[in-house]
Amino acid sequence: MVGHKVNSELNNVPHDFKYHAEIQYETERGFKYQMACGDSIDTIVEDIESQIDKWEFAGRSPKLEVVYYDPNGEKADVTYKIKTLLKKKKRIA
């Protein structure tokens, strides 16, 4: 997937939070990404929900692409864990 290729080439993110997420949304000519961030599982989930709500309200079909723990260091992919939590809250399909 193009989104994953772009994100896997991401070397550093412009913040020091423990978690970093990329949310893809539609534009008039393609797609763009919005980031979400937080220092705990709860705060990253809250920020992701906030961004998804914003882009759903705008009719832009947001999609959670990737979530990293320690994005400027270890960069562990925790996307599955976060998507599982969001599915339990019925926030994503």
C-alpha atoms as a PDB file:
ATOM      1  CA  MET A   1       0.000   0.000   0.000  1.00  0.00           C
ATOM      2  CA  VAL A   2       1.255   3.451  -0.827  1.00  0.00           C
ATOM      3  CA  GLY A   3       0.406   4.812   2.644  1.00  0.00           C
ATOM      4  CA  HIS A   4       2.523   2.205   4.376  1.00  0.00           C
ATOM      5  CA  LYS A   5       5.468   2.816   2.053  1.00  0.00           C
ATOM      6  CA  VAL A   6       5.341   6.549   2.746  1.00  0.00           C
ATOM      7  CA  ASN A   7       5.020   6.010   6.493  1.00  0.00           C
ATOM      8  CA  SER A   8       7.783   3.398   6.692  1.00  0.00           C
ATOM      9  CA  GLU A   9      10.172   5.939   5.168  1.00  0.00           C
ATOM     10  CA  LEU A  10       9.317   8.426   7.913  1.00  0.00           C
ATOM     11  CA  ASN A  11      12.548   8.945   9.857  1.00  0.00           C
ATOM     12  CA  ASN A  12      11.452  11.385  12.532  1.00  0.00           C
ATOM     13  CA  VAL A  13       8.216  12.995  13.620  1.00  0.00           C
ATOM     14  CA  PRO A  14       7.951  16.619  14.800  1.00  0.00           C
ATOM     15  CA  HIS A  15       7.082  15.836  18.432  1.00  0.00           C
ATOM     16  CA  ASP A  16       8.325  13.948  21.498  1.00  0.00           C
ATOM     17  CA  PHE A  17       5.152  12.012  22.308  1.00  0.00           C
ATOM     18  CA  LYS A  18       5.408   8.254  22.889  1.00  0.00           C
ATOM     19  CA  TYR A  19       2.802   7.392  20.252  1.00  0.00           C
ATOM     20  CA  HIS A  20       2.320   8.679  16.688  1.00  0.00           C
ATOM     21  CA  ALA A  21      -0.524   7.811  14.310  1.00  0.00           C
ATOM     22  CA  GLU A  22      -1.167   8.605  10.654  1.00  0.00           C
ATOM     23  CA  ILE A  23      -4.778   8.983   9.517  1.00  0.00           C
ATOM     24  CA  GLN A  24      -5.490   9.091   5.790  1.00  0.00           C
ATOM     25  CA  TYR A  25      -8.417  11.171   4.520  1.00  0.00           C
ATOM     26  CA  GLU A  26      -9.825  12.096   1.120  1.00  0.00           C
ATOM     27  CA  THR A  27      -9.237  15.442  -0.578  1.00  0.00           C
ATOM     28  CA  GLU A  28     -10.614  16.849  -3.799  1.00  0.00           C
ATOM     29  CA  ARG A  29      -7.608  15.519  -5.736  1.00  0.00           C
ATOM     30  CA  GLY A  30      -6.503  12.464  -3.778  1.00  0.00           C
ATOM     31  CA  PHE A  31      -5.481  11.811  -0.181  1.00  0.00           C
ATOM     32  CA  LYS A  32      -3.667  13.578   2.664  1.00  0.00           C
ATOM     33  CA  TYR A  33      -2.575  12.522   6.125  1.00  0.00           C
ATOM     34  CA  GLN A  34      -3.368  13.895   9.555  1.00  0.00           C
ATOM     35  CA  MET A  35      -1.303  12.904  12.551  1.00  0.00           C
ATOM     36  CA  ALA A  36      -2.482  12.046  16.032  1.00  0.00           C
ATOM     37  CA  CYS A  37      -0.184  11.718  19.031  1.00  0.00           C
ATOM     38  CA  GLY A  38      -0.158  10.958  22.740  1.00  0.00           C
ATOM     39  CA  ASP A  39       1.927   9.789  25.668  1.00  0.00           C
ATOM     40  CA  SER A  40      -0.316   6.866  26.640  1.00  0.00           C
ATOM     41  CA  ILE A  41      -2.647   4.363  24.997  1.00  0.00           C
ATOM     42  CA  ASP A  42      -5.627   6.348  26.282  1.00  0.00           C
ATOM     43  CA  THR A  43      -4.418   9.696  24.941  1.00  0.00           C
ATOM     44  CA  ILE A  44      -3.468   8.339  21.500  1.00  0.00           C
ATOM     45  CA  VAL A  45      -6.864   6.629  21.199  1.00  0.00           C
ATOM     46  CA  GLU A  46      -8.620   9.879  22.231  1.00  0.00           C
ATOM     47  CA  ASP A  47      -6.652  11.893  19.670  1.00  0.00           C
ATOM     48  CA  ILE A  48      -7.305   9.332  16.924  1.00  0.00           C
ATOM     49  CA  GLU A  49     -11.030   9.404  17.731  1.00  0.00           C
ATOM     50  CA  SER A  50     -11.000  13.197  17.617  1.00  0.00           C
ATOM     51  CA  GLN A  51      -9.294  13.259  14.207  1.00  0.00           C
ATOM     52  CA  ILE A  52     -11.585  10.552  12.807  1.00  0.00           C
ATOM     53  CA  ASP A  53     -14.645  12.486  14.039  1.00  0.00           C
ATOM     54  CA  LYS A  54     -13.351  15.688  12.432  1.00  0.00           C
ATOM     55  CA  TRP A  55     -12.788  14.088   9.021  1.00  0.00           C
ATOM     56  CA  GLU A  56     -15.985  11.977   9.140  1.00  0.00           C
ATOM     57  CA  PHE A  57     -17.979  15.140   9.850  1.00  0.00           C
ATOM     58  CA  ALA A  58     -16.326  16.757   6.814  1.00  0.00           C
ATOM     59  CA  GLY A  59     -17.274  13.726   4.674  1.00  0.00           C
ATOM     60  CA  ARG A  60     -13.624  12.803   3.983  1.00  0.00           C
ATOM     61  CA  SER A  61     -13.675   9.032   4.783  1.00  0.00           C
ATOM     62  CA  PRO A  62     -10.789   8.888   7.282  1.00  0.00           C
ATOM     63  CA  LYS A  63      -8.808   5.673   7.725  1.00  0.00           C
ATOM     64  CA  LEU A  64      -6.257   4.834  10.409  1.00  0.00           C
ATOM     65  CA  GLU A  65      -3.134   3.774   8.512  1.00  0.00           C
ATOM     66  CA  VAL A  66      -0.394   3.229  11.094  1.00  0.00           C
ATOM     67  CA  VAL A  67       0.425   3.794  14.779  1.00  0.00           C
ATOM     68  CA  TYR A  68       3.966   3.753  16.152  1.00  0.00           C
ATOM     69  CA  TYR A  69       5.269   3.555  19.692  1.00  0.00           C
ATOM     70  CA  ASP A  70       8.474   5.600  20.161  1.00  0.00           C
ATOM     71  CA  PRO A  71       8.356   7.009  16.618  1.00  0.00           C
ATOM     72  CA  ASN A  72      11.744   8.766  16.856  1.00  0.00           C
ATOM     73  CA  GLY A  73      13.501   5.741  18.329  1.00  0.00           C
ATOM     74  CA  GLU A  74      12.463   2.091  18.312  1.00  0.00           C
ATOM     75  CA  LYS A  75       9.439   2.839  16.078  1.00  0.00           C
ATOM     76  CA  ALA A  76       7.437  -0.234  17.075  1.00  0.00           C
ATOM     77  CA  ASP A  77       4.307  -0.740  14.956  1.00  0.00           C
ATOM     78  CA  VAL A  78       1.327  -0.977  17.349  1.00  0.00           C
ATOM     79  CA  THR A  79      -1.358  -0.440  14.707  1.00  0.00           C
ATOM     80  CA  TYR A  80      -3.056  -3.794  15.310  1.00  0.00           C
ATOM     81  CA  LYS A  81      -3.345  -3.156  19.065  1.00  0.00           C
ATOM     82  CA  ILE A  82      -4.826   0.321  18.604  1.00  0.00           C
ATOM     83  CA  LYS A  83      -7.234  -0.824  15.871  1.00  0.00           C
ATOM     84  CA  THR A  84      -8.382  -3.643  18.167  1.00  0.00           C
ATOM     85  CA  LEU A  85      -9.114  -1.125  20.942  1.00  0.00           C
ATOM     86  CA  LEU A  86     -11.003   1.127  18.526  1.00  0.00           C
ATOM     87  CA  LYS A  87     -13.014  -1.830  17.200  1.00  0.00           C
ATOM     88  CA  LYS A  88     -14.030  -2.762  20.772  1.00  0.00           C
ATOM     89  CA  LYS A  89     -15.284   0.810  21.169  1.00  0.00           C
ATOM     90  CA  LYS A  90     -17.032   0.427  17.772  1.00  0.00           C
ATOM     91  CA  ARG A  91     -15.073   3.403  16.401  1.00  0.00           C
ATOM     92  CA  ILE A  92     -13.757   1.674  13.269  1.00  0.00           C
ATOM     93  CA  ALA A  93     -14.906  -1.257  11.139  1.00  0.00           C
END
